[in-house]
Amino acid sequence: MAGMRNKFVNDFKLEIGLYLSASGATRTAIDTMNSIGFSACYTTINNFKRKLTNEHPLNIRKFFSDHVKIYLF
């Protein structure tokens, strides 16, 4: 798995890293898992979480603006 470089493996590594982060694993633990090829690095995980946090309010507004129009008419 560590030698494979494709979208599905990279997404899986990110998911493992997000799970580790959510479960309270330290930065060192996540980077150790990255060094053996089972997770994304801590910086990648942190950037992904920051991106989700920034985009979430926009996605909520877009969802309601698209769906509220349907029910008003």
N, C-alpha and C. Protein backbone atom coordinates (compact mmCIF):
# COMPACT_ATOMS: atom_id res chain seq x y z
N MET A 1 0.83 -1.19 0.00
CA MET A 1 0.00 0.00 0.00
C MET A 1 0.87 1.25 0.00
N ALA A 2 1.99 1.22 0.69
CA ALA A 2 2.81 2.41 0.83
C ALA A 2 3.40 2.85 -0.51
N GLY A 3 3.67 1.91 -1.39
CA GLY A 3 4.27 2.27 -2.66
C GLY A 3 3.28 2.70 -3.71
N MET A 4 2.02 2.47 -3.48
CA MET A 4 1.02 2.83 -4.48
C MET A 4 0.71 4.32 -4.42
N ARG A 5 0.62 4.94 -5.56
CA ARG A 5 0.33 6.36 -5.64
C ARG A 5 -0.85 6.58 -6.58
N ASN A 6 -2.04 6.40 -6.07
CA ASN A 6 -3.21 6.73 -6.87
C ASN A 6 -4.25 7.40 -5.98
N LYS A 7 -5.30 7.88 -6.60
CA LYS A 7 -6.31 8.67 -5.91
C LYS A 7 -6.94 7.91 -4.74
N PHE A 8 -7.24 6.65 -4.94
CA PHE A 8 -7.94 5.89 -3.91
C PHE A 8 -7.07 5.62 -2.69
N VAL A 9 -5.81 5.33 -2.93
CA VAL A 9 -4.89 5.10 -1.81
C VAL A 9 -4.65 6.40 -1.07
N ASN A 10 -4.47 7.50 -1.79
CA ASN A 10 -4.25 8.78 -1.14
C ASN A 10 -5.47 9.22 -0.33
N ASP A 11 -6.66 8.99 -0.87
CA ASP A 11 -7.88 9.32 -0.12
C ASP A 11 -7.99 8.46 1.13
N PHE A 12 -7.62 7.20 1.01
CA PHE A 12 -7.68 6.30 2.15
C PHE A 12 -6.70 6.74 3.24
N LYS A 13 -5.51 7.15 2.83
CA LYS A 13 -4.52 7.64 3.79
C LYS A 13 -5.02 8.90 4.49
N LEU A 14 -5.68 9.77 3.75
CA LEU A 14 -6.24 10.97 4.35
C LEU A 14 -7.33 10.61 5.35
N GLU A 15 -8.19 9.66 4.99
CA GLU A 15 -9.24 9.23 5.91
C GLU A 15 -8.67 8.63 7.19
N ILE A 16 -7.62 7.85 7.06
CA ILE A 16 -6.98 7.29 8.25
C ILE A 16 -6.41 8.42 9.11
N GLY A 17 -5.77 9.38 8.47
CA GLY A 17 -5.22 10.51 9.21
C GLY A 17 -6.30 11.34 9.89
N LEU A 18 -7.43 11.54 9.21
CA LEU A 18 -8.54 12.27 9.83
C LEU A 18 -9.10 11.51 11.02
N TYR A 19 -9.18 10.19 10.89
CA TYR A 19 -9.65 9.37 12.00
C TYR A 19 -8.69 9.46 13.19
N LEU A 20 -7.40 9.38 12.91
CA LEU A 20 -6.42 9.50 13.98
C LEU A 20 -6.51 10.86 14.66
N SER A 21 -6.66 11.91 13.87
CA SER A 21 -6.77 13.26 14.42
C SER A 21 -8.02 13.39 15.28
N ALA A 22 -9.14 12.86 14.80
CA ALA A 22 -10.39 12.95 15.54
C ALA A 22 -10.35 12.13 16.83
N SER A 23 -9.56 11.07 16.82
CA SER A 23 -9.49 10.22 18.02
C SER A 23 -8.49 10.74 19.04
N GLY A 24 -7.83 11.85 18.74
CA GLY A 24 -6.94 12.47 19.71
C GLY A 24 -5.49 12.08 19.57
N ALA A 25 -5.11 11.49 18.45
CA ALA A 25 -3.71 11.14 18.24
C ALA A 25 -2.87 12.41 18.12
N THR A 26 -1.66 12.34 18.59
CA THR A 26 -0.77 13.50 18.54
C THR A 26 -0.21 13.69 17.13
N ARG A 27 0.36 14.85 16.92
CA ARG A 27 0.99 15.16 15.65
C ARG A 27 2.11 14.15 15.35
N THR A 28 2.86 13.82 16.37
CA THR A 28 3.96 12.87 16.21
C THR A 28 3.44 11.49 15.81
N ALA A 29 2.34 11.06 16.40
CA ALA A 29 1.77 9.76 16.06
C ALA A 29 1.30 9.74 14.60
N ILE A 30 0.67 10.81 14.17
CA ILE A 30 0.18 10.88 12.79
C ILE A 30 1.36 10.90 11.82
N ASP A 31 2.39 11.67 12.13
CA ASP A 31 3.56 11.72 11.26
C ASP A 31 4.32 10.39 11.24
N THR A 32 4.29 9.66 12.36
CA THR A 32 4.91 8.33 12.40
C THR A 32 4.15 7.37 11.49
N MET A 33 2.82 7.43 11.54
CA MET A 33 2.02 6.60 10.64
C MET A 33 2.28 6.99 9.18
N ASN A 34 2.52 8.26 8.93
CA ASN A 34 2.86 8.72 7.59
C ASN A 34 4.21 8.16 7.15
N SER A 35 5.18 8.14 8.04
CA SER A 35 6.51 7.67 7.67
C SER A 35 6.53 6.18 7.31
N ILE A 36 5.60 5.40 7.85
CA ILE A 36 5.53 3.99 7.46
C ILE A 36 4.54 3.76 6.32
N GLY A 37 3.88 4.84 5.87
CA GLY A 37 3.05 4.75 4.68
C GLY A 37 1.59 4.46 4.90
N PHE A 38 1.09 4.58 6.13
CA PHE A 38 -0.31 4.25 6.39
C PHE A 38 -1.21 5.46 6.56
N SER A 39 -0.68 6.65 6.52
CA SER A 39 -1.49 7.84 6.76
C SER A 39 -0.89 9.01 5.99
N ALA A 40 -1.69 10.05 5.84
CA ALA A 40 -1.18 11.30 5.30
C ALA A 40 -0.46 12.03 6.42
N CYS A 41 0.38 12.98 6.08
CA CYS A 41 1.11 13.71 7.12
C CYS A 41 0.18 14.69 7.85
N TYR A 42 0.60 15.10 9.02
CA TYR A 42 -0.22 15.95 9.87
C TYR A 42 -0.57 17.26 9.17
N THR A 43 0.37 17.85 8.44
CA THR A 43 0.12 19.12 7.76
C THR A 43 -0.98 18.98 6.72
N THR A 44 -0.97 17.90 5.97
CA THR A 44 -2.01 17.65 4.97
C THR A 44 -3.37 17.51 5.63
N ILE A 45 -3.41 16.80 6.73
CA ILE A 45 -4.66 16.60 7.45
C ILE A 45 -5.17 17.91 8.02
N ASN A 46 -4.28 18.68 8.60
CA ASN A 46 -4.66 19.97 9.17
C ASN A 46 -5.16 20.93 8.09
N ASN A 47 -4.49 20.96 6.94
CA ASN A 47 -4.94 21.81 5.83
C ASN A 47 -6.31 21.38 5.32
N PHE A 48 -6.55 20.07 5.24
CA PHE A 48 -7.84 19.57 4.78
C PHE A 48 -8.95 19.96 5.76
N LYS A 49 -8.68 19.82 7.06
CA LYS A 49 -9.68 20.21 8.06
C LYS A 49 -9.96 21.71 8.01
N ARG A 50 -8.93 22.51 7.79
CA ARG A 50 -9.11 23.96 7.68
C ARG A 50 -9.95 24.31 6.46
N LYS A 51 -9.69 23.62 5.34
CA LYS A 51 -10.46 23.84 4.11
C LYS A 51 -11.93 23.49 4.33
N LEU A 52 -12.20 22.36 4.98
CA LEU A 52 -13.58 21.97 5.27
C LEU A 52 -14.28 23.01 6.15
N THR A 53 -13.56 23.48 7.15
CA THR A 53 -14.12 24.47 8.08
C THR A 53 -14.46 25.77 7.35
N ASN A 54 -13.62 26.18 6.44
CA ASN A 54 -13.87 27.43 5.70
C ASN A 54 -14.99 27.29 4.68
N GLU A 55 -15.10 26.13 4.06
CA GLU A 55 -16.11 25.93 3.01
C GLU A 55 -17.49 25.55 3.55
N HIS A 56 -17.56 25.05 4.77
CA HIS A 56 -18.82 24.55 5.30
C HIS A 56 -19.94 25.61 5.32
N PRO A 57 -19.71 26.81 5.84
CA PRO A 57 -20.80 27.81 5.81
C PRO A 57 -21.27 28.14 4.39
N LEU A 58 -20.36 28.17 3.45
CA LEU A 58 -20.73 28.44 2.06
C LEU A 58 -21.59 27.32 1.49
N ASN A 59 -21.24 26.08 1.81
CA ASN A 59 -22.02 24.94 1.34
C ASN A 59 -23.42 24.93 1.95
N ILE A 60 -23.53 25.30 3.22
CA ILE A 60 -24.83 25.37 3.88
C ILE A 60 -25.70 26.43 3.22
N ARG A 61 -25.13 27.62 2.99
CA ARG A 61 -25.89 28.69 2.33
C ARG A 61 -26.34 28.28 0.95
N LYS A 62 -25.43 27.65 0.18
CA LYS A 62 -25.77 27.21 -1.17
C LYS A 62 -26.89 26.16 -1.13
N PHE A 63 -26.80 25.23 -0.21
CA PHE A 63 -27.82 24.20 -0.09
C PHE A 63 -29.20 24.81 0.16
N PHE A 64 -29.28 25.73 1.13
CA PHE A 64 -30.57 26.32 1.45
C PHE A 64 -31.06 27.26 0.36
N SER A 65 -30.16 27.97 -0.29
CA SER A 65 -30.61 28.86 -1.36
C SER A 65 -31.13 28.05 -2.55
N ASP A 66 -30.56 26.89 -2.82
CA ASP A 66 -31.03 26.05 -3.92
C ASP A 66 -32.34 25.36 -3.58
N HIS A 67 -32.54 24.95 -2.34
CA HIS A 67 -33.71 24.17 -1.97
C HIS A 67 -34.87 25.00 -1.46
N VAL A 68 -34.60 26.15 -0.92
CA VAL A 68 -35.70 26.98 -0.43
C VAL A 68 -36.50 27.54 -1.60
N LYS A 69 -35.86 27.83 -2.70
CA LYS A 69 -36.55 28.34 -3.89
C LYS A 69 -37.60 27.34 -4.38
N ILE A 70 -37.29 26.07 -4.26
CA ILE A 70 -38.21 25.04 -4.74
C ILE A 70 -39.49 25.06 -3.90
N TYR A 71 -39.38 25.22 -2.60
CA TYR A 71 -40.54 25.14 -1.72
C TYR A 71 -41.33 26.43 -1.64
N LEU A 72 -40.75 27.55 -2.03
CA LEU A 72 -41.46 28.82 -1.95
C LEU A 72 -42.44 28.99 -3.09
N PHE A 73 -42.21 28.31 -4.19
CA PHE A 73 -43.07 28.52 -5.35
C PHE A 73 -43.98 27.38 -5.56
